[in-house]
Amino acid sequence: MAYNTIDLIDKAIDMAQRRKEIYIQIANDNSENKGMNIVVNTLIKGLEKNIDCYNRLKKYIEQNEEVLEEIDFLIYDKILFLVNQFKKRLMNPKISDIKSLLKFSVNLENEIYALFIDIQGRLVVKEEDAKTNTYRLLSNVIKEKEEYIKNLEAFAKRQG
């Protein structure tokens, strides 16, 4: 079985879905705190935008198969290991205030950003690997993540 860019996108979607579940649990744990629920809903909407972006990218690749490239099994295996290690660390935190929630969210998104950069780096074995469609598509995902983090940090600063 050959692995490709769509497999990486599916991993990104899976991680976003897991974060969404964490936020839903935080909202449930703080159901009486209306402010917390508003912030959680805002975070969930941001994740849904990320998921929509990933799904659009996936659809584009499926419709333009010429951009679809195989990923070497050994490289994909290392990437899968990194993603699975990261997912094991994703646990529901005990958060009861907005400031802690936003700090948790910013830190989590920065960790995911670092993971994406690590994955991108592992895709490059030789110089021409940085010119592949997979590398370029992952660069776009990383740019989206940068923008999302920038907006999240600005939102956190406005909240106090």
Protein backbone atom coordinates (compact mmCIF):
# COMPACT_ATOMS: atom_id res chain seq x y z
CA MET A 1 0.00 0.00 0.00
CA ALA A 2 1.45 3.35 -1.06
CA TYR A 3 1.12 6.37 1.21
CA ASN A 4 0.54 9.84 -0.16
CA THR A 5 -0.34 13.44 0.66
CA ILE A 6 -3.97 12.56 1.33
CA ASP A 7 -2.83 10.28 4.14
CA LEU A 8 -1.05 13.25 5.76
CA ILE A 9 -4.14 15.42 5.36
CA ASP A 10 -6.25 12.70 6.96
CA LYS A 11 -3.88 12.74 9.96
CA ALA A 12 -4.25 16.52 10.24
CA ILE A 13 -8.05 16.19 10.12
CA ASP A 14 -7.94 13.47 12.76
CA MET A 15 -5.86 15.66 15.08
CA ALA A 16 -8.22 18.60 14.57
CA GLN A 17 -11.22 16.38 15.34
CA ARG A 18 -9.50 15.20 18.54
CA ARG A 19 -8.90 18.82 19.61
CA LYS A 20 -12.53 19.57 18.91
CA GLU A 21 -13.53 16.70 21.23
CA ILE A 22 -11.26 18.13 23.93
CA TYR A 23 -12.91 21.54 23.61
CA ILE A 24 -16.38 20.01 23.76
CA GLN A 25 -15.38 18.20 26.96
CA ILE A 26 -14.04 21.44 28.45
CA ALA A 27 -17.37 23.11 27.62
CA ASN A 28 -19.26 20.23 29.22
CA ASP A 29 -17.07 20.40 32.33
CA ASN A 30 -17.81 24.14 32.59
CA SER A 31 -21.41 24.17 31.40
CA GLU A 32 -22.39 26.86 33.94
CA ASN A 33 -19.69 29.25 32.74
CA LYS A 34 -21.25 31.12 29.80
CA GLY A 35 -18.06 33.06 29.00
CA MET A 36 -16.07 29.84 28.83
CA ASN A 37 -18.64 28.31 26.49
CA ILE A 38 -18.47 31.32 24.18
CA VAL A 39 -14.67 31.01 23.99
CA VAL A 40 -14.88 27.24 23.46
CA ASN A 41 -17.38 27.76 20.63
CA THR A 42 -15.02 30.30 19.06
CA LEU A 43 -12.15 27.80 19.27
CA ILE A 44 -14.31 25.08 17.78
CA LYS A 45 -15.28 27.36 14.89
CA GLY A 46 -11.57 27.97 14.25
CA LEU A 47 -10.94 24.22 14.19
CA GLU A 48 -13.87 23.71 11.84
CA LYS A 49 -12.31 26.26 9.48
CA ASN A 50 -9.04 24.30 9.67
CA ILE A 51 -10.90 21.07 8.90
CA ASP A 52 -12.72 22.74 5.99
CA CYS A 53 -9.36 23.94 4.64
CA TYR A 54 -7.92 20.41 4.90
CA ASN A 55 -10.99 18.93 3.20
CA ARG A 56 -10.78 21.48 0.36
CA LEU A 57 -7.11 20.61 -0.08
CA LYS A 58 -7.93 16.91 -0.07
CA LYS A 59 -10.69 17.42 -2.65
CA TYR A 60 -8.32 19.45 -4.85
CA ILE A 61 -5.76 16.64 -4.74
CA GLU A 62 -8.37 13.99 -5.51
CA GLN A 63 -9.59 16.01 -8.49
CA ASN A 64 -6.05 16.73 -9.73
CA GLU A 65 -4.32 13.40 -9.38
CA GLU A 66 -1.19 14.74 -11.08
CA VAL A 67 -0.34 16.54 -7.82
CA LEU A 68 -0.67 13.32 -5.83
CA GLU A 69 2.70 11.85 -4.92
CA GLU A 70 3.69 8.74 -3.04
CA ILE A 71 5.55 9.08 0.24
CA ASP A 72 8.34 6.63 0.90
CA PHE A 73 7.17 3.97 3.36
CA LEU A 74 10.07 4.50 5.79
CA ILE A 75 9.49 8.25 5.87
CA TYR A 76 5.75 7.78 6.29
CA ASP A 77 6.37 5.28 9.08
CA LYS A 78 8.47 7.86 10.97
CA ILE A 79 5.80 10.50 10.40
CA LEU A 80 3.09 8.14 11.61
CA PHE A 81 5.13 7.44 14.74
CA LEU A 82 5.44 11.20 15.43
CA VAL A 83 1.71 11.75 14.91
CA ASN A 84 0.76 8.82 17.13
CA GLN A 85 3.12 10.00 19.88
CA PHE A 86 1.55 13.44 19.67
CA LYS A 87 -1.99 12.04 19.78
CA LYS A 88 -1.13 10.05 22.92
CA ARG A 89 -0.32 13.34 24.66
CA LEU A 90 -3.68 14.85 23.73
CA MET A 91 -5.63 14.55 26.94
CA ASN A 92 -8.56 16.42 28.39
CA PRO A 93 -7.09 19.05 30.71
CA LYS A 94 -8.84 20.28 33.83
CA ILE A 95 -9.50 23.87 32.87
CA SER A 96 -11.92 26.13 34.69
CA ASP A 97 -11.13 29.64 33.47
CA ILE A 98 -10.83 31.40 30.13
CA LYS A 99 -7.22 32.49 30.61
CA SER A 100 -6.09 28.87 31.19
CA LEU A 101 -8.15 27.71 28.24
CA LEU A 102 -6.56 30.20 25.88
CA LYS A 103 -3.06 29.46 27.19
CA PHE A 104 -3.71 25.73 26.67
CA SER A 105 -5.03 26.38 23.15
CA VAL A 106 -2.12 28.57 22.06
CA ASN A 107 0.41 26.06 23.43
CA LEU A 108 -1.38 23.16 21.73
CA GLU A 109 -1.52 24.92 18.37
CA ASN A 110 2.18 25.81 18.63
CA GLU A 111 2.97 22.15 19.32
CA ILE A 112 0.99 21.13 16.24
CA TYR A 113 2.75 23.79 14.20
CA ALA A 114 6.10 22.35 15.33
CA LEU A 115 4.88 18.85 14.47
CA PHE A 116 3.93 19.96 10.94
CA ILE A 117 7.35 21.55 10.46
CA ASP A 118 9.01 18.36 11.72
CA ILE A 119 6.93 16.30 9.29
CA GLN A 120 7.80 18.62 6.43
CA GLY A 121 11.48 18.34 7.30
CA ARG A 122 11.31 14.55 7.27
CA LEU A 123 9.90 14.66 3.74
CA VAL A 124 13.17 16.18 2.53
CA VAL A 125 15.87 13.58 1.96
CA LYS A 126 17.48 15.24 -1.04
CA GLU A 127 17.36 18.81 -2.33
CA GLU A 128 14.74 18.17 -5.02
CA ASP A 129 12.33 16.85 -2.35
CA ALA A 130 11.71 20.48 -1.35
CA LYS A 131 10.21 21.00 -4.82
CA THR A 132 7.59 18.24 -4.59
CA ASN A 133 3.87 18.88 -4.54
CA THR A 134 3.64 17.22 -1.12
CA TYR A 135 6.23 19.63 0.28
CA ARG A 136 4.47 22.64 -1.26
CA LEU A 137 1.03 21.54 -0.05
CA LEU A 138 2.38 21.01 3.45
CA SER A 139 3.95 24.49 3.24
CA ASN A 140 0.47 25.87 2.60
CA VAL A 141 -0.92 23.98 5.60
CA ILE A 142 1.90 25.38 7.74
CA LYS A 143 1.16 28.93 6.53
CA GLU A 144 -2.52 28.43 7.43
CA LYS A 145 -1.45 27.20 10.87
CA GLU A 146 0.79 30.26 11.34
CA GLU A 147 -2.12 32.55 10.55
CA TYR A 148 -4.44 30.63 12.86
CA ILE A 149 -1.93 30.86 15.72
CA LYS A 150 -1.43 34.58 15.10
CA ASN A 151 -5.20 35.14 15.30
CA LEU A 152 -5.52 32.90 18.36
CA GLU A 153 -2.74 34.76 20.17
CA ALA A 154 -4.37 38.10 19.34
CA PHE A 155 -7.70 36.78 20.62
CA ALA A 156 -6.03 35.55 23.83
CA LYS A 157 -4.44 38.98 24.41
CA ARG A 158 -7.81 40.69 23.98
CA GLN A 159 -9.34 38.35 26.57
CA GLY A 160 -6.82 39.33 29.18
